[in-house]
Amino acid sequence: MFQAPASVWNAIAETQTLRTAWAEQMFPLPQDEMDVAVKGELDRVEAQTGSKVLAAAYLVVMPLLWEAEAIRAWTAQNGPLASLPPVESVAQAMAIAQGDYLLTPDEAQTLRAMLLAPPPES
């Protein structure tokens, strides 16, 4: 979530159909509220997994994966945004996460499992 400003997530929420209740709650938030909500999500995932790195990786790739259709439609209308690469599979999400974060094998396994299920409502 922190790879793009709230204005981008807001625009996606305003113009596209979102797949998850999580995104419906998070994407429309103004920047200050989004910052607080993302911090809460980081804390929640860290408490669940015991890893700050895993929490950060999850919050970067999970919206790209689960909201890929909305992001793809928005970027088709507005132009590509390097911080929102197309992610069509868990394998692609994992490649991004492992390229950006030093995940242990256990963290990678946990992240893969987390990405298979839709995100819980925040």
N, C-alpha and C. Protein backbone atom coordinates (compact mmCIF):
# COMPACT_ATOMS: atom_id res chain seq x y z
N MET A 1 0.81 -1.20 0.00
CA MET A 1 0.00 0.00 0.00
C MET A 1 0.85 1.26 0.00
N PHE A 2 2.05 1.18 0.58
CA PHE A 2 2.84 2.40 0.68
C PHE A 2 3.69 2.66 -0.56
N GLN A 3 3.50 1.88 -1.61
CA GLN A 3 4.27 2.12 -2.83
C GLN A 3 3.62 3.15 -3.75
N ALA A 4 2.40 3.56 -3.42
CA ALA A 4 1.72 4.59 -4.21
C ALA A 4 0.99 5.52 -3.25
N PRO A 5 0.84 6.79 -3.63
CA PRO A 5 0.12 7.73 -2.75
C PRO A 5 -1.37 7.40 -2.69
N ALA A 6 -2.00 7.88 -1.65
CA ALA A 6 -3.44 7.65 -1.46
C ALA A 6 -4.23 8.12 -2.68
N SER A 7 -3.79 9.17 -3.33
CA SER A 7 -4.54 9.69 -4.47
C SER A 7 -4.68 8.64 -5.58
N VAL A 8 -3.67 7.80 -5.75
CA VAL A 8 -3.75 6.74 -6.76
C VAL A 8 -4.74 5.67 -6.32
N TRP A 9 -4.60 5.21 -5.06
CA TRP A 9 -5.54 4.19 -4.55
C TRP A 9 -6.97 4.74 -4.56
N ASN A 10 -7.12 6.03 -4.21
CA ASN A 10 -8.45 6.67 -4.24
C ASN A 10 -9.03 6.63 -5.65
N ALA A 11 -8.22 6.98 -6.64
CA ALA A 11 -8.69 7.00 -8.02
C ALA A 11 -9.10 5.60 -8.48
N ILE A 12 -8.34 4.60 -8.08
CA ILE A 12 -8.70 3.23 -8.43
C ILE A 12 -10.04 2.88 -7.79
N ALA A 13 -10.20 3.23 -6.53
CA ALA A 13 -11.45 2.93 -5.83
C ALA A 13 -12.64 3.66 -6.45
N GLU A 14 -12.43 4.87 -6.91
CA GLU A 14 -13.51 5.68 -7.47
C GLU A 14 -13.93 5.21 -8.86
N THR A 15 -13.02 4.60 -9.59
CA THR A 15 -13.31 4.31 -11.00
C THR A 15 -13.41 2.83 -11.34
N GLN A 16 -13.03 1.96 -10.40
CA GLN A 16 -12.98 0.53 -10.70
C GLN A 16 -13.76 -0.26 -9.66
N THR A 17 -14.15 -1.45 -10.04
CA THR A 17 -14.78 -2.37 -9.11
C THR A 17 -13.68 -3.13 -8.37
N LEU A 18 -13.72 -3.06 -7.06
CA LEU A 18 -12.71 -3.73 -6.24
C LEU A 18 -13.19 -5.13 -5.88
N ARG A 19 -12.24 -6.02 -5.77
CA ARG A 19 -12.54 -7.44 -5.55
C ARG A 19 -12.72 -7.78 -4.08
N THR A 20 -12.01 -7.09 -3.20
CA THR A 20 -12.01 -7.46 -1.78
C THR A 20 -12.60 -6.38 -0.90
N ALA A 21 -13.20 -6.81 0.19
CA ALA A 21 -13.71 -5.87 1.19
C ALA A 21 -12.55 -5.07 1.79
N TRP A 22 -11.40 -5.69 1.90
CA TRP A 22 -10.22 -5.02 2.44
C TRP A 22 -9.90 -3.77 1.60
N ALA A 23 -9.85 -3.95 0.29
CA ALA A 23 -9.55 -2.82 -0.59
C ALA A 23 -10.67 -1.78 -0.56
N GLU A 24 -11.91 -2.23 -0.47
CA GLU A 24 -13.03 -1.29 -0.38
C GLU A 24 -12.91 -0.40 0.85
N GLN A 25 -12.31 -0.92 1.91
CA GLN A 25 -12.11 -0.13 3.12
C GLN A 25 -10.87 0.75 3.02
N MET A 26 -9.79 0.22 2.44
CA MET A 26 -8.50 0.91 2.46
C MET A 26 -8.31 1.91 1.32
N PHE A 27 -8.66 1.53 0.10
CA PHE A 27 -8.34 2.35 -1.07
C PHE A 27 -8.96 3.75 -1.02
N PRO A 28 -10.17 3.94 -0.51
CA PRO A 28 -10.77 5.29 -0.53
C PRO A 28 -10.25 6.25 0.55
N LEU A 29 -9.45 5.78 1.48
CA LEU A 29 -9.04 6.62 2.61
C LEU A 29 -8.17 7.79 2.17
N PRO A 30 -8.35 8.97 2.80
CA PRO A 30 -7.42 10.07 2.57
C PRO A 30 -6.04 9.69 3.13
N GLN A 31 -5.00 10.36 2.64
CA GLN A 31 -3.62 9.98 2.97
C GLN A 31 -3.38 9.82 4.46
N ASP A 32 -3.82 10.77 5.28
CA ASP A 32 -3.53 10.68 6.72
C ASP A 32 -4.21 9.46 7.34
N GLU A 33 -5.45 9.19 6.94
CA GLU A 33 -6.14 8.01 7.47
C GLU A 33 -5.56 6.72 6.91
N MET A 34 -5.11 6.76 5.65
CA MET A 34 -4.49 5.58 5.06
C MET A 34 -3.18 5.25 5.78
N ASP A 35 -2.41 6.28 6.11
CA ASP A 35 -1.16 6.05 6.84
C ASP A 35 -1.42 5.33 8.16
N VAL A 36 -2.45 5.76 8.88
CA VAL A 36 -2.81 5.14 10.15
C VAL A 36 -3.30 3.71 9.92
N ALA A 37 -4.14 3.52 8.92
CA ALA A 37 -4.68 2.19 8.63
C ALA A 37 -3.58 1.22 8.19
N VAL A 38 -2.65 1.68 7.37
CA VAL A 38 -1.55 0.82 6.93
C VAL A 38 -0.67 0.45 8.12
N LYS A 39 -0.41 1.41 9.00
CA LYS A 39 0.36 1.10 10.21
C LYS A 39 -0.35 0.03 11.03
N GLY A 40 -1.67 0.16 11.16
CA GLY A 40 -2.44 -0.85 11.88
C GLY A 40 -2.35 -2.21 11.22
N GLU A 41 -2.38 -2.23 9.89
CA GLU A 41 -2.25 -3.50 9.16
C GLU A 41 -0.85 -4.08 9.32
N LEU A 42 0.17 -3.23 9.27
CA LEU A 42 1.53 -3.71 9.52
C LEU A 42 1.63 -4.35 10.90
N ASP A 43 1.07 -3.69 11.90
CA ASP A 43 1.10 -4.22 13.26
C ASP A 43 0.34 -5.54 13.35
N ARG A 44 -0.82 -5.61 12.69
CA ARG A 44 -1.65 -6.82 12.72
C ARG A 44 -0.91 -8.00 12.09
N VAL A 45 -0.32 -7.78 10.91
CA VAL A 45 0.37 -8.87 10.22
C VAL A 45 1.64 -9.26 10.96
N GLU A 46 2.33 -8.27 11.52
CA GLU A 46 3.53 -8.59 12.31
C GLU A 46 3.15 -9.42 13.53
N ALA A 47 2.07 -9.06 14.21
CA ALA A 47 1.63 -9.83 15.38
C ALA A 47 1.24 -11.25 14.97
N GLN A 48 0.65 -11.38 13.81
CA GLN A 48 0.21 -12.69 13.31
C GLN A 48 1.40 -13.56 12.91
N THR A 49 2.42 -12.93 12.31
CA THR A 49 3.53 -13.71 11.73
C THR A 49 4.83 -13.63 12.52
N GLY A 50 4.96 -12.60 13.35
CA GLY A 50 6.21 -12.41 14.08
C GLY A 50 7.30 -11.77 13.25
N SER A 51 6.95 -11.20 12.11
CA SER A 51 7.98 -10.65 11.21
C SER A 51 7.55 -9.31 10.62
N LYS A 52 8.36 -8.26 10.89
CA LYS A 52 8.10 -6.95 10.28
C LYS A 52 8.34 -6.99 8.77
N VAL A 53 9.37 -7.73 8.36
CA VAL A 53 9.70 -7.82 6.94
C VAL A 53 8.57 -8.50 6.18
N LEU A 54 8.06 -9.57 6.72
CA LEU A 54 6.95 -10.28 6.09
C LEU A 54 5.71 -9.39 6.01
N ALA A 55 5.44 -8.65 7.08
CA ALA A 55 4.29 -7.74 7.08
C ALA A 55 4.43 -6.69 5.99
N ALA A 56 5.61 -6.12 5.84
CA ALA A 56 5.83 -5.10 4.81
C ALA A 56 5.68 -5.70 3.41
N ALA A 57 6.27 -6.85 3.19
CA ALA A 57 6.17 -7.51 1.89
C ALA A 57 4.71 -7.81 1.55
N TYR A 58 3.98 -8.31 2.51
CA TYR A 58 2.57 -8.65 2.30
C TYR A 58 1.76 -7.42 1.88
N LEU A 59 1.97 -6.30 2.57
CA LEU A 59 1.19 -5.11 2.27
C LEU A 59 1.59 -4.43 0.96
N VAL A 60 2.72 -4.82 0.41
CA VAL A 60 3.09 -4.33 -0.91
C VAL A 60 2.46 -5.20 -2.00
N VAL A 61 2.60 -6.51 -1.88
CA VAL A 61 2.17 -7.38 -2.99
C VAL A 61 0.72 -7.84 -2.91
N MET A 62 0.16 -7.93 -1.71
CA MET A 62 -1.22 -8.43 -1.59
C MET A 62 -2.21 -7.58 -2.38
N PRO A 63 -2.20 -6.24 -2.27
CA PRO A 63 -3.16 -5.47 -3.06
C PRO A 63 -2.90 -5.59 -4.57
N LEU A 64 -1.64 -5.72 -4.97
CA LEU A 64 -1.32 -5.87 -6.38
C LEU A 64 -1.91 -7.17 -6.94
N LEU A 65 -1.87 -8.22 -6.13
CA LEU A 65 -2.41 -9.51 -6.55
C LEU A 65 -3.93 -9.53 -6.53
N TRP A 66 -4.51 -9.20 -5.40
CA TRP A 66 -5.95 -9.35 -5.24
C TRP A 66 -6.76 -8.29 -5.98
N GLU A 67 -6.16 -7.14 -6.26
CA GLU A 67 -6.86 -6.08 -6.99
C GLU A 67 -6.23 -5.86 -8.37
N ALA A 68 -5.64 -6.90 -8.91
CA ALA A 68 -4.94 -6.81 -10.20
C ALA A 68 -5.86 -6.32 -11.31
N GLU A 69 -7.08 -6.80 -11.35
CA GLU A 69 -8.00 -6.40 -12.42
C GLU A 69 -8.31 -4.91 -12.36
N ALA A 70 -8.60 -4.41 -11.16
CA ALA A 70 -8.89 -2.98 -11.00
C ALA A 70 -7.67 -2.13 -11.32
N ILE A 71 -6.51 -2.55 -10.86
CA ILE A 71 -5.28 -1.81 -11.13
C ILE A 71 -4.98 -1.81 -12.62
N ARG A 72 -5.12 -2.96 -13.25
CA ARG A 72 -4.88 -3.08 -14.70
C ARG A 72 -5.82 -2.15 -15.48
N ALA A 73 -7.09 -2.14 -15.12
CA ALA A 73 -8.06 -1.29 -15.81
C ALA A 73 -7.73 0.19 -15.60
N TRP A 74 -7.35 0.55 -14.38
CA TRP A 74 -7.03 1.94 -14.10
C TRP A 74 -5.77 2.38 -14.86
N THR A 75 -4.73 1.54 -14.87
CA THR A 75 -3.50 1.90 -15.57
C THR A 75 -3.71 1.92 -17.09
N ALA A 76 -4.64 1.12 -17.59
CA ALA A 76 -4.95 1.16 -19.03
C ALA A 76 -5.54 2.52 -19.40
N GLN A 77 -6.28 3.12 -18.50
CA GLN A 77 -6.90 4.42 -18.74
C GLN A 77 -5.97 5.59 -18.44
N ASN A 78 -5.08 5.39 -17.47
CA ASN A 78 -4.26 6.51 -16.97
C ASN A 78 -2.78 6.38 -17.23
N GLY A 79 -2.36 5.29 -17.80
CA GLY A 79 -0.94 5.06 -18.05
C GLY A 79 -0.33 4.22 -16.95
N PRO A 80 0.71 3.48 -17.30
CA PRO A 80 1.34 2.60 -16.32
C PRO A 80 2.02 3.40 -15.21
N LEU A 81 2.10 2.78 -14.07
CA LEU A 81 2.76 3.35 -12.91
C LEU A 81 3.75 2.30 -12.42
N ALA A 82 5.03 2.62 -12.43
CA ALA A 82 6.06 1.63 -12.10
C ALA A 82 5.85 1.00 -10.73
N SER A 83 5.27 1.76 -9.80
CA SER A 83 5.07 1.23 -8.45
C SER A 83 3.89 0.27 -8.37
N LEU A 84 3.12 0.15 -9.45
CA LEU A 84 1.98 -0.78 -9.49
C LEU A 84 2.14 -1.74 -10.66
N PRO A 85 3.14 -2.63 -10.58
CA PRO A 85 3.36 -3.56 -11.69
C PRO A 85 2.21 -4.56 -11.79
N PRO A 86 1.97 -5.08 -12.98
CA PRO A 86 0.92 -6.08 -13.11
C PRO A 86 1.31 -7.37 -12.38
N VAL A 87 0.40 -7.87 -11.58
CA VAL A 87 0.63 -9.11 -10.82
C VAL A 87 -0.59 -9.99 -11.05
N GLU A 88 -0.40 -11.06 -11.77
CA GLU A 88 -1.51 -11.93 -12.14
C GLU A 88 -1.50 -13.27 -11.41
N SER A 89 -0.47 -13.53 -10.62
CA SER A 89 -0.38 -14.82 -9.94
C SER A 89 0.38 -14.68 -8.63
N VAL A 90 0.20 -15.67 -7.78
CA VAL A 90 0.95 -15.71 -6.53
C VAL A 90 2.44 -15.78 -6.84
N ALA A 91 2.81 -16.52 -7.88
CA ALA A 91 4.22 -16.62 -8.25
C ALA A 91 4.81 -15.25 -8.59
N GLN A 92 4.07 -14.44 -9.34
CA GLN A 92 4.54 -13.10 -9.66
C GLN A 92 4.63 -12.23 -8.41
N ALA A 93 3.66 -12.35 -7.53
CA ALA A 93 3.69 -11.59 -6.27
C ALA A 93 4.90 -12.00 -5.44
N MET A 94 5.17 -13.29 -5.40
CA MET A 94 6.33 -13.78 -4.64
C MET A 94 7.63 -13.28 -5.24
N ALA A 95 7.72 -13.24 -6.56
CA ALA A 95 8.94 -12.76 -7.21
C ALA A 95 9.21 -11.30 -6.84
N ILE A 96 8.15 -10.49 -6.82
CA ILE A 96 8.31 -9.09 -6.42
C ILE A 96 8.72 -9.00 -4.96
N ALA A 97 8.01 -9.73 -4.09
CA ALA A 97 8.31 -9.68 -2.66
C ALA A 97 9.74 -10.13 -2.38
N GLN A 98 10.16 -11.20 -3.02
CA GLN A 98 11.50 -11.72 -2.76
C GLN A 98 12.58 -10.85 -3.41
N GLY A 99 12.21 -10.10 -4.44
CA GLY A 99 13.16 -9.16 -5.03
C GLY A 99 13.34 -7.91 -4.20
N ASP A 100 12.28 -7.53 -3.48
CA ASP A 100 12.31 -6.30 -2.70
C ASP A 100 12.65 -6.50 -1.23
N TYR A 101 12.43 -7.70 -0.71
CA TYR A 101 12.60 -7.97 0.72
C TYR A 101 13.42 -9.23 0.91
N LEU A 102 14.25 -9.22 1.93
CA LEU A 102 15.04 -10.40 2.27
C LEU A 102 14.20 -11.30 3.17
N LEU A 103 13.45 -12.18 2.55
CA LEU A 103 12.59 -13.10 3.29
C LEU A 103 13.33 -14.41 3.55
N THR A 104 13.19 -14.91 4.75
CA THR A 104 13.73 -16.24 5.04
C THR A 104 12.86 -17.26 4.32
N PRO A 105 13.34 -18.49 4.17
CA PRO A 105 12.49 -19.52 3.55
C PRO A 105 11.15 -19.69 4.28
N ASP A 106 11.17 -19.63 5.61
CA ASP A 106 9.91 -19.74 6.36
C ASP A 106 8.99 -18.55 6.09
N GLU A 107 9.55 -17.34 6.04
CA GLU A 107 8.74 -16.16 5.74
C GLU A 107 8.15 -16.25 4.34
N ALA A 108 8.94 -16.72 3.38
CA ALA A 108 8.45 -16.87 2.01
C ALA A 108 7.30 -17.88 1.96
N GLN A 109 7.45 -18.97 2.67
CA GLN A 109 6.39 -19.98 2.71
C GLN A 109 5.12 -19.41 3.34
N THR A 110 5.27 -18.66 4.42
CA THR A 110 4.12 -18.04 5.08
C THR A 110 3.47 -17.02 4.16
N LEU A 111 4.27 -16.20 3.49
CA LEU A 111 3.73 -15.20 2.59
C LEU A 111 2.95 -15.87 1.46
N ARG A 112 3.50 -16.90 0.88
CA ARG A 112 2.80 -17.62 -0.20
C ARG A 112 1.44 -18.10 0.29
N ALA A 113 1.40 -18.69 1.47
CA ALA A 113 0.13 -19.18 2.03
C ALA A 113 -0.85 -18.03 2.27
N MET A 114 -0.35 -16.91 2.76
CA MET A 114 -1.21 -15.75 3.02
C MET A 114 -1.81 -15.20 1.73
N LEU A 115 -1.03 -15.22 0.66
CA LEU A 115 -1.49 -14.65 -0.61
C LEU A 115 -2.55 -15.52 -1.29
N LEU A 116 -2.65 -16.77 -0.90
CA LEU A 116 -3.63 -17.66 -1.50
C LEU A 116 -5.06 -17.36 -1.06
N ALA A 117 -5.20 -16.70 0.08
CA ALA A 117 -6.52 -16.36 0.61
C ALA A 117 -6.74 -14.86 0.52
N PRO A 118 -7.98 -14.43 0.29
CA PRO A 118 -8.23 -12.99 0.26
C PRO A 118 -7.87 -12.35 1.61
N PRO A 119 -7.50 -11.08 1.59
CA PRO A 119 -7.15 -10.43 2.84
C PRO A 119 -8.36 -10.29 3.75
N PRO A 120 -8.13 -10.37 5.06
CA PRO A 120 -9.25 -10.15 5.98
C PRO A 120 -9.64 -8.68 5.96
N GLU A 121 -10.89 -8.40 6.31
CA GLU A 121 -11.29 -7.01 6.40
C GLU A 121 -10.46 -6.33 7.46
N SER A 122 -10.09 -5.09 7.19
CA SER A 122 -9.24 -4.38 8.16
C SER A 122 -10.07 -3.81 9.30
